[in-house]
């Protein structure tokens, strides 16, 4: 049986703790209110900071709503997966953290448990239903289909062994 990844589990547990179980619940206001995180807009790239034990996510004011959502969730990935400041880390470690935050973003913006409920999983449908960029949805569908294919292969292999 194929199990979920660590990041996939973290995102699902976080969403369940917020009682987010429908795509329409996935938005900046609902998530930041539930997590008690402040959002501020500025002209620079997105960033998360901790001040006086409170988290503040800064989002680029010039970005569209879809990009802001994706950037917010990327920053949440740093909050839930990492500690410290990247400025003092080796470049390769920063690259790893960015990859992890992006992976978190894919699983949080388009949760697997919600994809499992869709009759068809296509990039166009995922983009429309989850309000993400089309290119983002293409990558997320690739991730999902890859895992589904691996699940089918493992099931087939287990049936062969059982014969």
N, C-alpha and C. Protein backbone atom coordinates (compact mmCIF):
# COMPACT_ATOMS: atom_id res chain seq x y z
N UNK A 1 0.84 -1.19 0.00
CA UNK A 1 0.00 0.00 0.00
C UNK A 1 0.88 1.24 0.00
N UNK A 2 0.51 2.23 -0.79
CA UNK A 2 1.26 3.46 -0.90
C UNK A 2 0.85 4.41 0.20
N UNK A 3 1.81 4.90 0.94
CA UNK A 3 1.50 5.82 2.03
C UNK A 3 1.73 7.26 1.58
N UNK A 4 1.21 8.16 2.37
CA UNK A 4 1.38 9.58 2.07
C UNK A 4 2.77 10.04 2.50
N UNK A 5 3.23 11.11 1.87
CA UNK A 5 4.51 11.69 2.25
C UNK A 5 4.36 12.49 3.53
N UNK A 6 5.47 12.81 4.16
CA UNK A 6 5.45 13.63 5.38
C UNK A 6 4.76 14.97 5.12
N UNK A 7 5.13 15.62 4.03
CA UNK A 7 4.55 16.93 3.72
C UNK A 7 3.06 16.80 3.42
N UNK A 8 2.69 15.76 2.73
CA UNK A 8 1.27 15.52 2.43
C UNK A 8 0.49 15.33 3.73
N UNK A 9 1.04 14.58 4.66
CA UNK A 9 0.39 14.38 5.96
C UNK A 9 0.26 15.69 6.74
N UNK A 10 1.32 16.48 6.75
CA UNK A 10 1.29 17.77 7.46
C UNK A 10 0.20 18.66 6.90
N UNK A 11 0.13 18.76 5.56
CA UNK A 11 -0.88 19.64 4.96
C UNK A 11 -2.29 19.14 5.25
N UNK A 12 -2.51 17.84 5.16
CA UNK A 12 -3.85 17.31 5.42
C UNK A 12 -4.24 17.52 6.88
N UNK A 13 -3.34 17.26 7.81
CA UNK A 13 -3.64 17.46 9.23
C UNK A 13 -3.94 18.93 9.52
N UNK A 14 -3.17 19.80 8.92
CA UNK A 14 -3.39 21.24 9.11
C UNK A 14 -4.76 21.66 8.57
N UNK A 15 -5.09 21.20 7.38
CA UNK A 15 -6.40 21.54 6.79
C UNK A 15 -7.54 20.97 7.62
N UNK A 16 -7.40 19.75 8.09
CA UNK A 16 -8.45 19.14 8.91
C UNK A 16 -8.61 19.89 10.24
N UNK A 17 -7.50 20.35 10.82
CA UNK A 17 -7.59 21.11 12.07
C UNK A 17 -8.34 22.43 11.87
N UNK A 18 -8.30 22.95 10.65
CA UNK A 18 -9.01 24.19 10.32
C UNK A 18 -10.43 23.92 9.79
N UNK A 19 -10.80 22.65 9.74
CA UNK A 19 -12.08 22.22 9.19
C UNK A 19 -12.26 22.68 7.74
N UNK A 20 -11.18 22.56 7.00
CA UNK A 20 -11.18 22.88 5.58
C UNK A 20 -11.23 21.57 4.82
N UNK A 21 -12.38 21.31 4.20
CA UNK A 21 -12.53 20.05 3.48
C UNK A 21 -13.13 20.21 2.09
N UNK A 22 -13.27 21.45 1.64
CA UNK A 22 -13.81 21.74 0.32
C UNK A 22 -12.90 22.74 -0.38
N UNK A 23 -12.76 22.64 -1.71
CA UNK A 23 -11.90 23.59 -2.43
C UNK A 23 -12.25 25.06 -2.18
N UNK A 24 -13.54 25.36 -2.03
CA UNK A 24 -13.92 26.77 -1.83
C UNK A 24 -13.46 27.32 -0.48
N UNK A 25 -13.07 26.44 0.44
CA UNK A 25 -12.54 26.87 1.75
C UNK A 25 -11.08 27.29 1.66
N UNK A 26 -10.44 26.99 0.55
CA UNK A 26 -9.01 27.27 0.37
C UNK A 26 -8.83 28.70 -0.14
N UNK A 27 -8.70 29.64 0.78
CA UNK A 27 -8.47 31.03 0.40
C UNK A 27 -7.72 31.75 1.50
N UNK A 28 -7.16 32.88 1.18
CA UNK A 28 -6.30 33.62 2.10
C UNK A 28 -7.03 33.95 3.39
N UNK A 29 -8.21 34.52 3.30
CA UNK A 29 -8.92 34.94 4.51
C UNK A 29 -9.22 33.77 5.44
N UNK A 30 -9.77 32.71 4.88
CA UNK A 30 -10.15 31.55 5.71
C UNK A 30 -8.94 30.94 6.41
N UNK A 31 -7.86 30.77 5.68
CA UNK A 31 -6.68 30.12 6.23
C UNK A 31 -5.97 31.02 7.24
N UNK A 32 -5.78 32.29 6.91
CA UNK A 32 -5.05 33.16 7.84
C UNK A 32 -5.86 33.44 9.11
N UNK A 33 -7.17 33.54 8.98
CA UNK A 33 -7.99 33.71 10.19
C UNK A 33 -7.90 32.47 11.07
N UNK A 34 -8.00 31.29 10.47
CA UNK A 34 -7.93 30.05 11.22
C UNK A 34 -6.60 29.85 11.91
N UNK A 35 -5.53 30.30 11.25
CA UNK A 35 -4.18 30.14 11.81
C UNK A 35 -3.74 31.34 12.65
N UNK A 36 -4.59 32.37 12.68
CA UNK A 36 -4.27 33.60 13.39
C UNK A 36 -2.95 34.22 12.91
N UNK A 37 -2.85 34.32 11.61
CA UNK A 37 -1.67 34.91 10.98
C UNK A 37 -2.10 36.21 10.30
N UNK A 38 -1.33 37.23 10.51
CA UNK A 38 -1.59 38.53 9.87
C UNK A 38 -1.00 38.53 8.47
N UNK A 39 -1.67 39.22 7.56
CA UNK A 39 -1.17 39.40 6.20
C UNK A 39 -1.00 40.89 5.95
N UNK A 40 0.13 41.23 5.41
CA UNK A 40 0.41 42.61 5.03
C UNK A 40 0.86 42.61 3.57
N UNK A 41 0.60 43.69 2.88
CA UNK A 41 0.97 43.79 1.47
C UNK A 41 2.06 44.84 1.31
N UNK A 42 3.02 44.52 0.46
CA UNK A 42 4.12 45.44 0.18
C UNK A 42 4.60 45.23 -1.24
N UNK A 43 5.61 46.00 -1.67
CA UNK A 43 6.05 45.96 -3.06
C UNK A 43 7.15 44.92 -3.32
N UNK A 44 7.58 44.20 -2.30
CA UNK A 44 8.65 43.22 -2.42
C UNK A 44 8.08 41.81 -2.55
N UNK A 45 8.98 40.83 -2.67
CA UNK A 45 8.57 39.43 -2.75
C UNK A 45 7.97 38.98 -1.43
N UNK A 46 7.26 37.84 -1.46
CA UNK A 46 6.61 37.34 -0.25
C UNK A 46 7.66 36.91 0.77
N UNK A 47 7.26 37.00 2.04
CA UNK A 47 8.15 36.67 3.14
C UNK A 47 7.32 36.46 4.39
N UNK A 48 7.80 35.61 5.28
CA UNK A 48 7.15 35.43 6.57
C UNK A 48 8.12 35.86 7.66
N UNK A 49 7.61 36.60 8.63
CA UNK A 49 8.44 37.02 9.76
C UNK A 49 7.68 36.76 11.06
N UNK A 50 8.44 36.61 12.11
CA UNK A 50 7.84 36.42 13.43
C UNK A 50 8.21 37.64 14.27
N UNK A 51 7.18 38.30 14.80
CA UNK A 51 7.40 39.47 15.65
C UNK A 51 6.54 39.32 16.89
N UNK A 52 7.18 39.39 18.02
CA UNK A 52 6.47 39.29 19.31
C UNK A 52 5.58 38.06 19.34
N UNK A 53 6.14 36.92 18.96
CA UNK A 53 5.44 35.63 18.97
C UNK A 53 4.25 35.57 18.02
N UNK A 54 4.15 36.50 17.08
CA UNK A 54 3.09 36.46 16.07
C UNK A 54 3.72 36.38 14.68
N UNK A 55 3.08 35.59 13.82
CA UNK A 55 3.56 35.45 12.45
C UNK A 55 2.86 36.45 11.55
N UNK A 56 3.65 37.06 10.67
CA UNK A 56 3.13 38.00 9.68
C UNK A 56 3.65 37.55 8.32
N UNK A 57 2.74 37.40 7.38
CA UNK A 57 3.15 37.08 6.02
C UNK A 57 2.98 38.33 5.17
N UNK A 58 4.06 38.70 4.51
CA UNK A 58 4.06 39.84 3.60
C UNK A 58 3.90 39.31 2.18
N UNK A 59 2.93 39.85 1.46
CA UNK A 59 2.67 39.44 0.08
C UNK A 59 2.84 40.63 -0.84
N UNK A 60 3.27 40.37 -2.06
CA UNK A 60 3.46 41.42 -3.04
C UNK A 60 2.12 42.00 -3.46
N UNK A 61 1.96 43.29 -3.29
CA UNK A 61 0.70 43.97 -3.57
C UNK A 61 0.37 43.96 -5.07
N UNK A 62 1.38 43.83 -5.92
CA UNK A 62 1.16 43.88 -7.36
C UNK A 62 0.79 42.51 -7.95
N UNK A 63 0.88 41.46 -7.17
CA UNK A 63 0.53 40.12 -7.64
C UNK A 63 -0.99 39.98 -7.73
N UNK A 64 -1.44 39.10 -8.64
CA UNK A 64 -2.87 38.84 -8.72
C UNK A 64 -3.29 37.91 -7.57
N UNK A 65 -4.59 37.73 -7.42
CA UNK A 65 -5.13 36.95 -6.30
C UNK A 65 -4.62 35.51 -6.28
N UNK A 66 -4.52 34.90 -7.45
CA UNK A 66 -4.06 33.51 -7.54
C UNK A 66 -2.60 33.42 -7.09
N UNK A 67 -1.78 34.32 -7.56
CA UNK A 67 -0.35 34.31 -7.19
C UNK A 67 -0.17 34.62 -5.71
N UNK A 68 -0.96 35.52 -5.18
CA UNK A 68 -0.88 35.82 -3.74
C UNK A 68 -1.20 34.58 -2.91
N UNK A 69 -2.24 33.84 -3.32
CA UNK A 69 -2.63 32.63 -2.61
C UNK A 69 -1.48 31.62 -2.61
N UNK A 70 -0.91 31.38 -3.79
CA UNK A 70 0.18 30.43 -3.89
C UNK A 70 1.39 30.89 -3.07
N UNK A 71 1.70 32.17 -3.10
CA UNK A 71 2.83 32.70 -2.32
C UNK A 71 2.56 32.59 -0.82
N UNK A 72 1.34 32.87 -0.40
CA UNK A 72 0.99 32.73 1.01
C UNK A 72 1.24 31.30 1.48
N UNK A 73 0.77 30.34 0.69
CA UNK A 73 0.92 28.94 1.09
C UNK A 73 2.39 28.52 1.06
N UNK A 74 3.16 29.04 0.12
CA UNK A 74 4.61 28.77 0.11
C UNK A 74 5.23 29.22 1.43
N UNK A 75 4.85 30.41 1.88
CA UNK A 75 5.38 30.93 3.15
C UNK A 75 4.90 30.09 4.34
N UNK A 76 3.66 29.60 4.27
CA UNK A 76 3.18 28.69 5.32
C UNK A 76 4.04 27.43 5.36
N UNK A 77 4.50 26.99 4.20
CA UNK A 77 5.39 25.84 4.14
C UNK A 77 6.64 26.08 4.97
N UNK A 78 7.21 27.27 4.85
CA UNK A 78 8.39 27.61 5.67
C UNK A 78 8.02 27.59 7.15
N UNK A 79 6.86 28.13 7.48
CA UNK A 79 6.44 28.18 8.88
C UNK A 79 6.30 26.79 9.49
N UNK A 80 5.69 25.87 8.75
CA UNK A 80 5.40 24.55 9.30
C UNK A 80 6.50 23.51 9.09
N UNK A 81 7.47 23.83 8.24
CA UNK A 81 8.53 22.86 7.98
C UNK A 81 9.91 23.28 8.47
N UNK A 82 10.11 24.58 8.67
CA UNK A 82 11.46 25.08 8.92
C UNK A 82 11.55 25.98 10.16
N UNK A 83 12.76 26.16 10.63
CA UNK A 83 13.05 27.11 11.70
C UNK A 83 14.25 27.96 11.28
N UNK A 84 14.36 29.14 11.86
CA UNK A 84 15.53 29.97 11.59
C UNK A 84 15.36 30.84 10.36
N UNK A 85 16.45 31.51 10.02
CA UNK A 85 16.47 32.44 8.90
C UNK A 85 17.40 31.91 7.82
N UNK A 86 16.93 32.00 6.58
CA UNK A 86 17.71 31.46 5.47
C UNK A 86 19.00 32.24 5.19
N UNK A 87 19.07 33.48 5.63
CA UNK A 87 20.24 34.31 5.33
C UNK A 87 21.54 33.71 5.87
N UNK A 88 21.44 32.87 6.89
CA UNK A 88 22.65 32.31 7.51
C UNK A 88 22.89 30.85 7.10
N UNK A 89 22.08 30.33 6.20
CA UNK A 89 22.18 28.93 5.81
C UNK A 89 23.01 28.77 4.53
N UNK A 90 23.65 27.61 4.37
CA UNK A 90 24.35 27.34 3.11
C UNK A 90 23.36 27.31 1.95
N UNK A 91 23.83 27.70 0.77
CA UNK A 91 22.99 27.82 -0.41
C UNK A 91 22.21 26.53 -0.70
N UNK A 92 22.86 25.37 -0.61
CA UNK A 92 22.20 24.11 -0.91
C UNK A 92 21.07 23.83 0.08
N UNK A 93 21.24 24.22 1.31
CA UNK A 93 20.19 24.02 2.31
C UNK A 93 19.00 24.94 2.04
N UNK A 94 19.29 26.15 1.60
CA UNK A 94 18.22 27.08 1.21
C UNK A 94 17.45 26.50 0.03
N UNK A 95 18.16 25.93 -0.94
CA UNK A 95 17.49 25.31 -2.08
C UNK A 95 16.58 24.17 -1.63
N UNK A 96 17.04 23.36 -0.69
CA UNK A 96 16.22 22.27 -0.15
C UNK A 96 14.97 22.83 0.51
N UNK A 97 15.13 23.88 1.31
CA UNK A 97 13.96 24.47 1.98
C UNK A 97 12.97 25.04 0.97
N UNK A 98 13.45 25.65 -0.08
CA UNK A 98 12.56 26.19 -1.10
C UNK A 98 11.80 25.06 -1.80
N UNK A 99 12.49 23.97 -2.10
CA UNK A 99 11.84 22.81 -2.71
C UNK A 99 10.76 22.27 -1.77
N UNK A 100 11.07 22.17 -0.48
CA UNK A 100 10.10 21.67 0.49
C UNK A 100 8.89 22.61 0.59
N UNK A 101 9.13 23.92 0.63
CA UNK A 101 8.02 24.88 0.71
C UNK A 101 7.16 24.82 -0.55
N UNK A 102 7.79 24.61 -1.71
CA UNK A 102 7.01 24.47 -2.95
C UNK A 102 6.18 23.19 -2.93
N UNK A 103 6.76 22.11 -2.44
CA UNK A 103 6.02 20.86 -2.34
C UNK A 103 4.83 21.03 -1.41
N UNK A 104 5.05 21.68 -0.27
CA UNK A 104 3.97 21.99 0.67
C UNK A 104 2.87 22.78 -0.06
N UNK A 105 3.29 23.74 -0.86
CA UNK A 105 2.34 24.59 -1.59
C UNK A 105 1.46 23.75 -2.52
N UNK A 106 2.05 22.81 -3.24
CA UNK A 106 1.26 21.97 -4.14
C UNK A 106 0.24 21.14 -3.37
N UNK A 107 0.67 20.53 -2.27
CA UNK A 107 -0.24 19.67 -1.50
C UNK A 107 -1.29 20.45 -0.72
N UNK A 108 -0.97 21.67 -0.31
CA UNK A 108 -1.93 22.47 0.44
C UNK A 108 -2.93 23.14 -0.48
N UNK A 109 -2.47 23.73 -1.57
CA UNK A 109 -3.37 24.42 -2.50
C UNK A 109 -4.30 23.45 -3.22
N UNK A 110 -3.81 22.25 -3.47
CA UNK A 110 -4.61 21.23 -4.16
C UNK A 110 -4.42 19.91 -3.39
N UNK A 111 -5.13 19.76 -2.28
CA UNK A 111 -4.94 18.58 -1.42
C UNK A 111 -5.33 17.27 -2.09
N UNK A 112 -4.53 16.27 -1.84
CA UNK A 112 -4.78 14.95 -2.42
C UNK A 112 -6.16 14.42 -2.05
N UNK A 113 -6.54 14.58 -0.78
CA UNK A 113 -7.85 14.04 -0.37
C UNK A 113 -9.00 14.72 -1.10
N UNK A 114 -8.81 15.95 -1.55
CA UNK A 114 -9.84 16.61 -2.35
C UNK A 114 -9.78 16.15 -3.81
N UNK A 115 -8.56 15.95 -4.31
CA UNK A 115 -8.43 15.43 -5.68
C UNK A 115 -9.07 14.06 -5.81
N UNK A 116 -8.93 13.25 -4.76
CA UNK A 116 -9.51 11.90 -4.78
C UNK A 116 -11.03 11.93 -4.95
N UNK A 117 -11.67 13.04 -4.62
CA UNK A 117 -13.13 13.15 -4.72
C UNK A 117 -13.61 13.62 -6.08
N UNK A 118 -12.70 14.08 -6.93
CA UNK A 118 -13.10 14.59 -8.25
C UNK A 118 -13.37 13.45 -9.23
N UNK A 119 -14.40 13.60 -10.07
CA UNK A 119 -14.67 12.56 -11.07
C UNK A 119 -13.56 12.48 -12.12
N UNK A 120 -13.00 13.63 -12.51
CA UNK A 120 -11.88 13.67 -13.45
C UNK A 120 -10.86 14.67 -12.93
N UNK A 121 -9.60 14.31 -13.08
CA UNK A 121 -8.52 15.19 -12.62
C UNK A 121 -7.72 15.63 -13.84
N UNK A 122 -8.06 16.82 -14.34
CA UNK A 122 -7.34 17.40 -15.47
C UNK A 122 -6.79 18.76 -15.03
N UNK A 123 -5.74 19.24 -15.68
CA UNK A 123 -5.22 20.55 -15.31
C UNK A 123 -6.26 21.67 -15.39
N UNK A 124 -7.10 21.64 -16.41
CA UNK A 124 -8.11 22.69 -16.55
C UNK A 124 -9.10 22.65 -15.38
N UNK A 125 -9.55 21.46 -15.00
CA UNK A 125 -10.48 21.32 -13.88
C UNK A 125 -9.82 21.72 -12.57
N UNK A 126 -8.59 21.28 -12.36
CA UNK A 126 -7.88 21.61 -11.12
C UNK A 126 -7.67 23.11 -11.01
N UNK A 127 -7.28 23.74 -12.11
CA UNK A 127 -7.08 25.19 -12.11
C UNK A 127 -8.38 25.92 -11.77
N UNK A 128 -9.48 25.48 -12.36
CA UNK A 128 -10.78 26.13 -12.13
C UNK A 128 -11.28 25.88 -10.71
N UNK A 129 -11.26 24.66 -10.26
CA UNK A 129 -11.83 24.30 -8.96
C UNK A 129 -11.02 24.84 -7.79
N UNK A 130 -9.69 24.80 -7.93
CA UNK A 130 -8.82 25.18 -6.80
C UNK A 130 -8.25 26.58 -6.93
N UNK A 131 -8.59 27.29 -8.00
CA UNK A 131 -8.17 28.67 -8.19
C UNK A 131 -6.64 28.82 -8.13
N UNK A 132 -5.96 28.01 -8.96
CA UNK A 132 -4.51 28.09 -9.08
C UNK A 132 -4.15 28.32 -10.54
N UNK A 133 -2.93 28.78 -10.78
CA UNK A 133 -2.44 28.97 -12.15
C UNK A 133 -2.54 27.67 -12.93
N UNK A 134 -2.74 27.78 -14.24
CA UNK A 134 -2.82 26.59 -15.07
C UNK A 134 -1.50 25.79 -15.01
N UNK A 135 -0.37 26.48 -15.08
CA UNK A 135 0.92 25.78 -15.02
C UNK A 135 1.10 25.06 -13.68
N UNK A 136 0.61 25.67 -12.62
CA UNK A 136 0.63 25.05 -11.29
C UNK A 136 -0.22 23.78 -11.32
N UNK A 137 -1.40 23.87 -11.92
CA UNK A 137 -2.30 22.71 -11.95
C UNK A 137 -1.71 21.58 -12.80
N UNK A 138 -0.99 21.93 -13.86
CA UNK A 138 -0.35 20.89 -14.69
C UNK A 138 0.63 20.11 -13.83
N UNK A 139 1.47 20.80 -13.08
CA UNK A 139 2.45 20.13 -12.23
C UNK A 139 1.77 19.30 -11.14
N UNK A 140 0.72 19.85 -10.54
CA UNK A 140 0.04 19.11 -9.45
C UNK A 140 -0.63 17.86 -9.99
N UNK A 141 -1.22 17.93 -11.16
CA UNK A 141 -1.84 16.75 -11.77
C UNK A 141 -0.76 15.71 -12.09
N UNK A 142 0.40 16.15 -12.57
CA UNK A 142 1.50 15.22 -12.81
C UNK A 142 1.89 14.49 -11.53
N UNK A 143 2.00 15.24 -10.43
CA UNK A 143 2.34 14.64 -9.14
C UNK A 143 1.30 13.61 -8.73
N UNK A 144 0.05 13.98 -8.88
CA UNK A 144 -1.06 13.12 -8.48
C UNK A 144 -1.09 11.84 -9.33
N UNK A 145 -0.98 12.00 -10.65
CA UNK A 145 -1.02 10.85 -11.54
C UNK A 145 0.17 9.93 -11.32
N UNK A 146 1.32 10.49 -11.05
CA UNK A 146 2.51 9.68 -10.77
C UNK A 146 2.28 8.81 -9.54
N UNK A 147 1.69 9.39 -8.52
CA UNK A 147 1.41 8.63 -7.31
C UNK A 147 0.34 7.57 -7.57
N UNK A 148 -0.67 7.90 -8.35
CA UNK A 148 -1.71 6.93 -8.69
C UNK A 148 -1.12 5.77 -9.49
N UNK A 149 -0.22 6.07 -10.42
CA UNK A 149 0.42 5.02 -11.21
C UNK A 149 1.27 4.11 -10.32
N UNK A 150 1.99 4.70 -9.39
CA UNK A 150 2.79 3.91 -8.45
C UNK A 150 1.90 3.02 -7.60
N UNK A 151 0.76 3.55 -7.20
CA UNK A 151 -0.20 2.77 -6.42
C UNK A 151 -0.70 1.57 -7.23
N UNK A 152 -1.00 1.78 -8.53
CA UNK A 152 -1.46 0.68 -9.39
C UNK A 152 -0.37 -0.37 -9.59
N UNK A 153 0.86 0.08 -9.77
CA UNK A 153 1.98 -0.85 -9.94
C UNK A 153 2.16 -1.70 -8.69
N UNK A 154 2.13 -1.07 -7.54
CA UNK A 154 2.29 -1.83 -6.28
C UNK A 154 1.14 -2.81 -6.06
N UNK A 155 -0.06 -2.41 -6.44
CA UNK A 155 -1.21 -3.32 -6.31
C UNK A 155 -1.02 -4.52 -7.26
N UNK A 156 -0.60 -4.24 -8.48
CA UNK A 156 -0.36 -5.31 -9.45
C UNK A 156 0.73 -6.26 -8.95
N UNK A 157 1.82 -5.68 -8.44
CA UNK A 157 2.92 -6.51 -7.92
C UNK A 157 2.46 -7.37 -6.75
N UNK A 158 1.65 -6.81 -5.87
CA UNK A 158 1.16 -7.59 -4.73
C UNK A 158 0.25 -8.72 -5.18
N UNK A 159 -0.51 -8.50 -6.26
CA UNK A 159 -1.36 -9.56 -6.80
C UNK A 159 -0.52 -10.66 -7.44
N UNK A 160 0.58 -10.29 -8.08
CA UNK A 160 1.46 -11.29 -8.68
C UNK A 160 2.12 -12.15 -7.60
N UNK A 161 2.53 -11.53 -6.53
CA UNK A 161 3.18 -12.25 -5.44
C UNK A 161 2.18 -13.19 -4.76
N UNK A 162 0.94 -12.75 -4.67
CA UNK A 162 -0.11 -13.54 -4.02
C UNK A 162 -0.57 -14.73 -4.84
N UNK A 163 -0.22 -14.74 -6.15
CA UNK A 163 -0.66 -15.82 -7.03
C UNK A 163 0.06 -17.10 -6.75
